[in-house]
Amino acid sequence: MKLLMEPIDVAEQPAGPARFCWRGRLYEVERILETWTSRTQWWTASAAGASDDKREYYLLLTTHGVMEIFYSPRGWMLSRLLD
């Protein structure tokens, strides 16, 4: 597993992410394996941002392996690559 926390561009459909671009490469979502919601602790929120940072996570089977992404008020991020 690799922790990345890098921004990505995501194309969405009603059921969730359909594909995303990371480092100039396109990743097609073959299946959404799991979804969950998380909130950061109040002491980790930025001074300029809201005190509650809600994140919508997706564990995805893509054309290039299993990846975890999330959406927050700051945008889409690729959080982990799973081996």
C-alpha atoms as a PDB file:
ATOM      1  CA  MET A   1       0.000   0.000   0.000  1.00  0.00           C
ATOM      2  CA  LYS A   2       1.238   3.485  -0.871  1.00  0.00           C
ATOM      3  CA  LEU A   3      -0.105   6.655   0.737  1.00  0.00           C
ATOM      4  CA  LEU A   4      -0.214   9.471  -1.845  1.00  0.00           C
ATOM      5  CA  MET A   5      -2.688  12.274  -1.066  1.00  0.00           C
ATOM      6  CA  GLU A   6      -2.419  13.778  -4.572  1.00  0.00           C
ATOM      7  CA  PRO A   7      -5.109  15.787  -6.415  1.00  0.00           C
ATOM      8  CA  ILE A   8      -6.929  14.087  -9.316  1.00  0.00           C
ATOM      9  CA  ASP A   9      -9.507  15.033 -11.951  1.00  0.00           C
ATOM     10  CA  VAL A  10     -12.633  12.852 -11.711  1.00  0.00           C
ATOM     11  CA  ALA A  11     -15.451  12.223 -14.197  1.00  0.00           C
ATOM     12  CA  GLU A  12     -18.558  11.305 -12.226  1.00  0.00           C
ATOM     13  CA  GLN A  13     -21.742   9.396 -12.960  1.00  0.00           C
ATOM     14  CA  PRO A  14     -24.797   9.081 -10.677  1.00  0.00           C
ATOM     15  CA  ALA A  15     -23.362   5.978  -8.937  1.00  0.00           C
ATOM     16  CA  GLY A  16     -19.981   7.626  -8.276  1.00  0.00           C
ATOM     17  CA  PRO A  17     -16.635   8.058 -10.033  1.00  0.00           C
ATOM     18  CA  ALA A  18     -16.476   6.646 -13.581  1.00  0.00           C
ATOM     19  CA  ARG A  19     -12.864   7.512 -14.409  1.00  0.00           C
ATOM     20  CA  PHE A  20     -10.099   9.783 -13.225  1.00  0.00           C
ATOM     21  CA  CYS A  21      -6.837  11.261 -14.428  1.00  0.00           C
ATOM     22  CA  TRP A  22      -3.710  11.074 -12.278  1.00  0.00           C
ATOM     23  CA  ARG A  23      -0.236  12.124 -13.411  1.00  0.00           C
ATOM     24  CA  GLY A  24      -1.453  12.371 -17.011  1.00  0.00           C
ATOM     25  CA  ARG A  25      -2.843   8.828 -17.120  1.00  0.00           C
ATOM     26  CA  LEU A  26      -6.522   7.849 -17.375  1.00  0.00           C
ATOM     27  CA  TYR A  27      -7.905   5.259 -14.941  1.00  0.00           C
ATOM     28  CA  GLU A  28     -11.270   3.666 -15.743  1.00  0.00           C
ATOM     29  CA  VAL A  29     -13.350   2.511 -12.782  1.00  0.00           C
ATOM     30  CA  GLU A  30     -14.351  -1.111 -13.320  1.00  0.00           C
ATOM     31  CA  ARG A  31     -16.193  -1.435 -10.012  1.00  0.00           C
ATOM     32  CA  ILE A  32     -16.812   0.487  -6.795  1.00  0.00           C
ATOM     33  CA  LEU A  33     -15.786  -1.944  -4.053  1.00  0.00           C
ATOM     34  CA  GLU A  34     -16.757   0.115  -1.017  1.00  0.00           C
ATOM     35  CA  THR A  35     -17.834   3.626   0.026  1.00  0.00           C
ATOM     36  CA  TRP A  36     -17.786   5.420   3.371  1.00  0.00           C
ATOM     37  CA  THR A  37     -17.879   8.886   4.895  1.00  0.00           C
ATOM     38  CA  SER A  38     -15.360  10.300   7.336  1.00  0.00           C
ATOM     39  CA  ARG A  39     -14.923  13.594   9.116  1.00  0.00           C
ATOM     40  CA  THR A  40     -11.581  15.025  10.242  1.00  0.00           C
ATOM     41  CA  GLN A  41     -11.143  16.017  13.844  1.00  0.00           C
ATOM     42  CA  TRP A  42     -11.782  19.666  14.690  1.00  0.00           C
ATOM     43  CA  TRP A  43      -8.138  20.238  15.659  1.00  0.00           C
ATOM     44  CA  THR A  44      -6.899  19.182  12.165  1.00  0.00           C
ATOM     45  CA  ALA A  45      -9.098  21.639  10.261  1.00  0.00           C
ATOM     46  CA  SER A  46      -7.365  24.636   8.749  1.00  0.00           C
ATOM     47  CA  ALA A  47      -7.844  28.008  10.382  1.00  0.00           C
ATOM     48  CA  ALA A  48      -9.342  29.402   7.184  1.00  0.00           C
ATOM     49  CA  GLY A  49     -11.569  26.386   6.484  1.00  0.00           C
ATOM     50  CA  ALA A  50     -14.600  24.925   8.146  1.00  0.00           C
ATOM     51  CA  SER A  51     -14.213  23.109  11.433  1.00  0.00           C
ATOM     52  CA  ASP A  52     -15.720  19.991   9.868  1.00  0.00           C
ATOM     53  CA  ASP A  53     -14.056  18.461   6.801  1.00  0.00           C
ATOM     54  CA  LYS A  54     -16.419  15.749   5.526  1.00  0.00           C
ATOM     55  CA  ARG A  55     -14.842  13.265   3.129  1.00  0.00           C
ATOM     56  CA  GLU A  56     -16.602  10.787   0.847  1.00  0.00           C
ATOM     57  CA  TYR A  57     -14.292   7.809   0.248  1.00  0.00           C
ATOM     58  CA  TYR A  58     -14.396   5.285  -2.604  1.00  0.00           C
ATOM     59  CA  LEU A  59     -12.423   2.051  -2.802  1.00  0.00           C
ATOM     60  CA  LEU A  60     -12.199   1.327  -6.522  1.00  0.00           C
ATOM     61  CA  LEU A  61     -11.164  -1.505  -8.784  1.00  0.00           C
ATOM     62  CA  THR A  62      -9.634   0.311 -11.757  1.00  0.00           C
ATOM     63  CA  THR A  63      -7.984  -0.747 -15.002  1.00  0.00           C
ATOM     64  CA  HIS A  64      -4.655  -0.423 -13.157  1.00  0.00           C
ATOM     65  CA  GLY A  65      -5.433  -1.950  -9.751  1.00  0.00           C
ATOM     66  CA  VAL A  66      -7.225  -1.117  -6.516  1.00  0.00           C
ATOM     67  CA  MET A  67      -7.169   2.534  -5.475  1.00  0.00           C
ATOM     68  CA  GLU A  68      -8.763   4.648  -2.765  1.00  0.00           C
ATOM     69  CA  ILE A  69      -9.954   8.156  -3.601  1.00  0.00           C
ATOM     70  CA  PHE A  70     -11.993  10.716  -1.704  1.00  0.00           C
ATOM     71  CA  TYR A  71     -13.916  13.920  -2.245  1.00  0.00           C
ATOM     72  CA  SER A  72     -13.829  16.770   0.273  1.00  0.00           C
ATOM     73  CA  PRO A  73     -14.710  20.463   0.077  1.00  0.00           C
ATOM     74  CA  ARG A  74     -11.161  20.953  -1.241  1.00  0.00           C
ATOM     75  CA  GLY A  75     -11.713  18.606  -4.224  1.00  0.00           C
ATOM     76  CA  TRP A  76     -10.849  15.058  -5.308  1.00  0.00           C
ATOM     77  CA  MET A  77      -7.737  13.298  -4.011  1.00  0.00           C
ATOM     78  CA  LEU A  78      -6.072   9.953  -4.655  1.00  0.00           C
ATOM     79  CA  SER A  79      -5.251   8.753  -1.167  1.00  0.00           C
ATOM     80  CA  ARG A  80      -3.891   5.202  -1.559  1.00  0.00           C
ATOM     81  CA  LEU A  81      -2.735   2.585  -4.040  1.00  0.00           C
ATOM     82  CA  LEU A  82      -3.210  -0.947  -2.786  1.00  0.00           C
ATOM     83  CA  ASP A  83      -0.851  -3.772  -3.725  1.00  0.00           C
END
